[in-house]
Amino acid sequence: MTTTTRTLTLGHSPDSDDAFMFYGLASGNVQTGGLEYEHILKDIQTLNEWAKEGRLDTTAISVHAYAYVADKYAILNHGASMGERDYGPMVVARGPASPADLRGKRIAVPGLMTSAYLALRLCVGDFEPVVMPFDKIMESVAAGEHEFGLLIHEGQLTHGALGLRAVVNLGAWWWERHGLPLPLGVNTIRRALPDDVKRDASRQLRESIEFGLAHREDALRWALRYARGMETSTADTFVGMYVNRRTVDLGDDGRKSIRLFLQLGADAGIVPPVLDIDFVM
């Protein structure tokens, strides 16, 4: 066990699902012994870029981004966000369209290192990405500034209020194709940390997720401050999608899906091959 006080930088996004996951730690309800955590809240694209520099000790990143940082970080077995057979990132439009209509088109995307972007490339092939903040994409499509937009986070639930239609749900597409959950985000930890620190941090982060699930009402109340004005019921649904049993433990199928996702990305020439995918159990 860790015997001296050590502060770890902990990066995660300012979103309701991440806030829910880390409620146990942030509220002091998880005992951390000789470890302390400095919570650093940044959007996922920033965290992806920072991971390439190895800036943080433990950080949430996109699974897509792991292809570029596998030499610096190992994947924690908990804290993952996975799309399932009936939900995940999606492309929306104002009118009817099919996935085939997306090939070669301009599509607003939330970042070129997001897993949603890699999944869409694997799904439809080449298209012209237009990078913009994730929380502006839905409105830009509704306003006619972009014909198509790739939505992550709560837009998956709220796009209908703006009269938008789903063109393809990437979680459903991946499930139908592979029978596996779609890997989106993972928590990672710096490889260079001492093994006992990595084990203790892994256990404590898992305990934080378990505490939130066991005290759902309190954790949800905490998460609502990061919900960008979502209704409580919508935030509850969104958190339930991305903080659940799989968040506590990836499972064999979750780990298999991460390996397959990155392998297919490498086969398509989109990401570099990842020779060493380590999971801290």
Protein backbone atom coordinates (compact mmCIF):
# COMPACT_ATOMS: atom_id res chain seq x y z
CA MET A 1 0.00 0.00 0.00
CA THR A 2 1.01 3.61 -0.50
CA THR A 3 2.61 4.88 2.71
CA THR A 4 3.56 8.49 1.90
CA THR A 5 1.37 11.32 0.69
CA ARG A 6 1.48 11.72 -3.05
CA THR A 7 -0.68 13.96 -5.24
CA LEU A 8 -1.85 12.60 -8.59
CA THR A 9 -3.25 14.82 -11.31
CA LEU A 10 -6.63 13.40 -12.36
CA GLY A 11 -8.04 14.63 -15.66
CA HIS A 12 -11.66 14.20 -16.66
CA SER A 13 -14.24 16.09 -18.64
CA PRO A 14 -16.71 18.55 -17.08
CA ASP A 15 -19.68 16.35 -17.96
CA SER A 16 -22.38 14.83 -15.81
CA ASP A 17 -21.29 11.22 -16.33
CA ASP A 18 -17.67 11.92 -15.36
CA ALA A 19 -18.80 14.03 -12.41
CA PHE A 20 -20.98 11.13 -11.28
CA MET A 21 -18.04 8.71 -11.53
CA PHE A 22 -15.72 10.86 -9.46
CA TYR A 23 -18.27 11.98 -6.86
CA GLY A 24 -16.96 9.51 -4.30
CA LEU A 25 -13.46 10.94 -4.54
CA ALA A 26 -14.44 14.60 -4.87
CA SER A 27 -16.80 14.39 -1.87
CA GLY A 28 -14.20 12.70 0.33
CA ASN A 29 -16.29 9.56 0.76
CA VAL A 30 -13.58 7.30 -0.63
CA GLN A 31 -10.58 6.83 1.62
CA THR A 32 -7.38 7.47 -0.31
CA GLY A 33 -4.69 6.79 2.29
CA GLY A 34 -1.43 8.29 1.13
CA LEU A 35 -2.81 9.52 -2.20
CA GLU A 36 -4.44 12.84 -2.98
CA TYR A 37 -6.05 13.83 -6.26
CA GLU A 38 -5.95 17.14 -8.07
CA HIS A 39 -9.06 17.14 -10.27
CA ILE A 40 -8.41 18.84 -13.61
CA LEU A 41 -11.52 19.38 -15.73
CA LYS A 42 -11.01 19.79 -19.47
CA ASP A 43 -12.92 18.81 -22.60
CA ILE A 44 -12.02 15.41 -24.02
CA GLN A 45 -10.14 16.78 -27.02
CA THR A 46 -7.84 18.75 -24.69
CA LEU A 47 -7.30 15.67 -22.53
CA ASN A 48 -6.45 13.66 -25.64
CA GLU A 49 -3.84 16.22 -26.67
CA TRP A 50 -2.42 16.43 -23.16
CA ALA A 51 -2.09 12.65 -23.03
CA LYS A 52 0.16 12.77 -26.09
CA GLU A 53 2.46 14.94 -23.96
CA GLY A 54 2.08 12.66 -20.91
CA ARG A 55 1.00 15.68 -18.91
CA LEU A 56 -1.31 14.03 -16.34
CA ASP A 57 -0.86 11.08 -13.99
CA THR A 58 -4.27 9.57 -14.64
CA THR A 59 -6.68 10.86 -17.23
CA ALA A 60 -9.81 10.12 -19.20
CA ILE A 61 -9.13 9.89 -22.92
CA SER A 62 -10.85 8.67 -26.06
CA VAL A 63 -10.12 5.05 -26.98
CA HIS A 64 -9.12 6.41 -30.39
CA ALA A 65 -6.47 8.58 -28.73
CA TYR A 66 -4.96 5.56 -26.98
CA ALA A 67 -3.35 4.57 -30.27
CA TYR A 68 -1.09 7.61 -29.86
CA VAL A 69 -0.30 7.30 -26.15
CA ALA A 70 0.00 3.56 -25.50
CA ASP A 71 3.70 3.99 -24.79
CA LYS A 72 2.89 6.40 -21.94
CA TYR A 73 -0.34 5.08 -20.42
CA ALA A 74 -2.05 1.83 -19.44
CA ILE A 75 -5.84 1.47 -19.48
CA LEU A 76 -7.68 1.15 -16.17
CA ASN A 77 -10.22 -1.68 -16.11
CA HIS A 78 -12.89 0.69 -14.82
CA GLY A 79 -14.24 4.10 -15.74
CA ALA A 80 -14.90 3.30 -19.40
CA SER A 81 -17.74 4.77 -21.44
CA MET A 82 -19.20 2.30 -23.92
CA GLY A 83 -21.96 2.55 -26.48
CA GLU A 84 -24.37 -0.36 -26.45
CA ARG A 85 -26.72 -2.04 -28.90
CA ASP A 86 -29.24 0.79 -28.79
CA TYR A 87 -27.21 3.93 -28.06
CA GLY A 88 -23.97 5.70 -28.83
CA PRO A 89 -22.66 8.69 -30.78
CA MET A 90 -24.79 9.54 -33.76
CA VAL A 91 -24.88 11.60 -36.93
CA VAL A 92 -27.90 13.87 -37.25
CA ALA A 93 -29.43 15.91 -40.05
CA ARG A 94 -32.44 18.13 -40.54
CA GLY A 95 -33.97 15.83 -43.14
CA PRO A 96 -34.00 12.14 -43.99
CA ALA A 97 -30.67 10.61 -45.01
CA SER A 98 -28.93 7.23 -44.95
CA PRO A 99 -25.42 6.29 -43.86
CA ALA A 100 -24.43 5.94 -47.52
CA ASP A 101 -25.27 9.63 -48.01
CA LEU A 102 -22.46 10.58 -45.60
CA ARG A 103 -19.55 9.38 -47.72
CA GLY A 104 -17.53 12.32 -49.02
CA LYS A 105 -19.75 14.90 -47.29
CA ARG A 106 -18.78 17.68 -44.89
CA ILE A 107 -19.65 16.60 -41.35
CA ALA A 108 -19.22 18.65 -38.18
CA VAL A 109 -17.25 16.56 -35.67
CA PRO A 110 -16.15 17.12 -32.06
CA GLY A 111 -12.46 16.31 -32.65
CA LEU A 112 -10.23 14.18 -34.84
CA MET A 113 -9.03 12.06 -31.89
CA THR A 114 -12.48 11.25 -30.53
CA SER A 115 -13.70 7.67 -30.71
CA ALA A 116 -16.88 8.88 -32.35
CA TYR A 117 -14.81 10.21 -35.26
CA LEU A 118 -12.92 6.93 -35.66
CA ALA A 119 -16.15 4.93 -35.47
CA LEU A 120 -17.73 7.09 -38.16
CA ARG A 121 -14.69 6.64 -40.42
CA LEU A 122 -14.95 2.88 -39.97
CA CYS A 123 -18.68 3.02 -40.65
CA VAL A 124 -18.89 5.22 -43.76
CA GLY A 125 -15.35 5.60 -45.07
CA ASP A 126 -13.95 8.95 -46.11
CA PHE A 127 -15.73 12.23 -45.45
CA GLU A 128 -14.67 15.83 -44.87
CA PRO A 129 -14.58 16.56 -41.13
CA VAL A 130 -15.20 20.06 -39.83
CA VAL A 131 -13.95 20.28 -36.26
CA MET A 132 -15.95 22.39 -33.85
CA PRO A 133 -16.84 22.34 -30.12
CA PHE A 134 -19.06 19.35 -29.34
CA ASP A 135 -21.71 21.51 -27.66
CA LYS A 136 -22.16 23.69 -30.77
CA ILE A 137 -22.65 20.93 -33.35
CA MET A 138 -26.33 20.22 -32.79
CA GLU A 139 -27.31 23.86 -33.06
CA SER A 140 -25.15 24.37 -36.16
CA VAL A 141 -27.01 21.58 -37.96
CA ALA A 142 -30.39 22.90 -36.83
CA ALA A 143 -29.43 26.37 -38.12
CA GLY A 144 -28.40 24.99 -41.51
CA GLU A 145 -24.72 25.83 -41.08
CA HIS A 146 -23.82 22.16 -41.55
CA GLU A 147 -25.80 19.45 -43.29
CA PHE A 148 -24.60 16.73 -40.92
CA GLY A 149 -23.25 16.69 -37.37
CA LEU A 150 -21.66 13.99 -35.21
CA LEU A 151 -23.10 14.17 -31.70
CA ILE A 152 -21.57 12.98 -28.45
CA HIS A 153 -22.76 13.54 -24.87
CA GLU A 154 -26.31 14.66 -24.19
CA GLY A 155 -27.09 15.60 -27.80
CA GLN A 156 -27.76 11.91 -28.32
CA LEU A 157 -30.89 12.38 -26.20
CA THR A 158 -31.93 15.96 -26.95
CA HIS A 159 -31.48 16.41 -30.72
CA GLY A 160 -35.14 15.69 -31.42
CA ALA A 161 -36.14 18.87 -29.61
CA LEU A 162 -34.44 20.81 -32.43
CA GLY A 163 -36.20 18.79 -35.11
CA LEU A 164 -33.13 16.77 -36.03
CA ARG A 165 -33.15 13.17 -37.22
CA ALA A 166 -30.63 10.43 -36.58
CA VAL A 167 -28.84 9.24 -39.72
CA VAL A 168 -26.78 6.53 -38.05
CA ASN A 169 -26.37 5.46 -34.43
CA LEU A 170 -22.79 4.24 -34.15
CA GLY A 171 -23.39 2.19 -31.01
CA ALA A 172 -26.13 0.23 -32.77
CA TRP A 173 -24.02 -0.08 -35.94
CA TRP A 174 -21.01 -1.48 -34.08
CA TRP A 175 -23.18 -3.92 -32.11
CA GLU A 176 -24.91 -5.20 -35.26
CA ARG A 177 -21.54 -5.65 -36.98
CA HIS A 178 -19.50 -7.15 -34.15
CA GLY A 179 -21.86 -8.07 -31.30
CA LEU A 180 -19.79 -5.94 -28.94
CA PRO A 181 -20.17 -2.64 -27.08
CA LEU A 182 -18.63 0.36 -28.85
CA PRO A 183 -15.57 1.62 -26.93
CA LEU A 184 -15.66 5.38 -26.51
CA GLY A 185 -13.73 6.63 -23.48
CA VAL A 186 -11.37 5.05 -20.95
CA ASN A 187 -9.50 6.09 -17.85
CA THR A 188 -5.76 5.66 -18.14
CA ILE A 189 -2.79 5.86 -15.79
CA ARG A 190 0.81 6.76 -16.44
CA ARG A 191 2.96 3.66 -16.98
CA ALA A 192 5.95 5.23 -15.23
CA LEU A 193 4.19 5.44 -11.85
CA PRO A 194 5.25 2.87 -9.23
CA ASP A 195 3.21 -0.31 -9.36
CA ASP A 196 1.82 0.17 -5.83
CA VAL A 197 0.62 3.68 -6.72
CA LYS A 198 -1.07 2.38 -9.86
CA ARG A 199 -2.79 -0.38 -7.90
CA ASP A 200 -3.97 1.97 -5.15
CA ALA A 201 -5.20 4.59 -7.62
CA SER A 202 -7.01 1.92 -9.64
CA ARG A 203 -8.77 0.60 -6.54
CA GLN A 204 -9.75 4.07 -5.33
CA LEU A 205 -11.12 5.20 -8.67
CA ARG A 206 -13.16 2.02 -8.88
CA GLU A 207 -14.46 2.60 -5.35
CA SER A 208 -15.51 6.11 -6.40
CA ILE A 209 -17.64 4.70 -9.22
CA GLU A 210 -19.14 2.07 -6.93
CA PHE A 211 -19.91 4.73 -4.31
CA GLY A 212 -21.76 6.85 -6.88
CA LEU A 213 -23.83 3.90 -8.04
CA ALA A 214 -24.64 2.97 -4.43
CA HIS A 215 -25.62 6.59 -3.58
CA ARG A 216 -27.21 7.46 -6.90
CA GLU A 217 -29.42 10.33 -5.73
CA ASP A 218 -26.57 12.21 -4.05
CA ALA A 219 -24.17 11.51 -6.91
CA LEU A 220 -26.72 12.65 -9.48
CA ARG A 221 -27.34 15.84 -7.55
CA TRP A 222 -23.59 16.48 -7.66
CA ALA A 223 -23.44 15.63 -11.38
CA LEU A 224 -26.23 18.06 -12.26
CA ARG A 225 -23.90 21.02 -11.76
CA TYR A 226 -22.06 19.75 -14.86
CA ALA A 227 -25.17 18.90 -16.86
CA ARG A 228 -25.25 22.09 -18.97
CA GLY A 229 -28.86 22.84 -18.12
CA MET A 230 -30.24 19.34 -18.78
CA GLU A 231 -33.46 18.38 -17.07
CA THR A 232 -32.90 16.08 -14.13
CA SER A 233 -34.65 13.18 -15.86
CA THR A 234 -32.51 13.60 -18.99
CA ALA A 235 -29.32 13.80 -16.95
CA ASP A 236 -30.38 10.67 -15.05
CA THR A 237 -30.91 8.80 -18.33
CA PHE A 238 -27.60 10.02 -19.74
CA VAL A 239 -25.66 9.04 -16.63
CA GLY A 240 -27.32 5.63 -16.68
CA MET A 241 -26.15 5.11 -20.25
CA TYR A 242 -22.50 5.73 -19.46
CA VAL A 243 -22.08 4.89 -15.76
CA ASN A 244 -23.18 1.34 -15.12
CA ARG A 245 -21.88 -2.19 -14.48
CA ARG A 246 -19.52 -1.92 -17.44
CA THR A 247 -18.05 1.26 -15.98
CA VAL A 248 -17.11 -0.73 -12.87
CA ASP A 249 -15.52 -3.51 -14.94
CA LEU A 250 -14.87 -3.51 -18.69
CA GLY A 251 -15.37 -7.25 -18.86
CA ASP A 252 -13.82 -9.59 -21.40
CA ASP A 253 -16.04 -8.30 -24.20
CA GLY A 254 -15.19 -4.68 -23.39
CA ARG A 255 -11.46 -5.39 -23.53
CA LYS A 256 -11.94 -7.42 -26.73
CA SER A 257 -13.86 -4.54 -28.30
CA ILE A 258 -11.14 -2.02 -27.50
CA ARG A 259 -8.53 -4.25 -29.14
CA LEU A 260 -10.75 -4.80 -32.20
CA PHE A 261 -11.59 -1.09 -32.53
CA LEU A 262 -7.95 -0.06 -32.56
CA GLN A 263 -6.96 -2.96 -34.82
CA LEU A 264 -9.58 -2.02 -37.41
CA GLY A 265 -8.48 1.60 -37.20
CA ALA A 266 -4.90 0.54 -37.86
CA ASP A 267 -5.93 -1.80 -40.70
CA ALA A 268 -7.74 1.12 -42.34
CA GLY A 269 -4.65 3.32 -41.98
CA ILE A 270 -6.44 5.77 -39.69
CA VAL A 271 -4.38 5.17 -36.52
CA PRO A 272 -0.93 3.70 -35.91
CA PRO A 273 -0.78 0.04 -34.85
CA VAL A 274 -0.92 -0.51 -31.09
CA LEU A 275 1.34 -3.38 -30.13
CA ASP A 276 0.89 -3.24 -26.37
CA ILE A 277 -2.55 -2.67 -24.85
CA ASP A 278 -2.20 -3.04 -21.08
CA PHE A 279 -5.13 -3.10 -18.66
CA VAL A 280 -4.58 -2.33 -14.98
CA MET A 281 -6.94 -4.73 -13.24
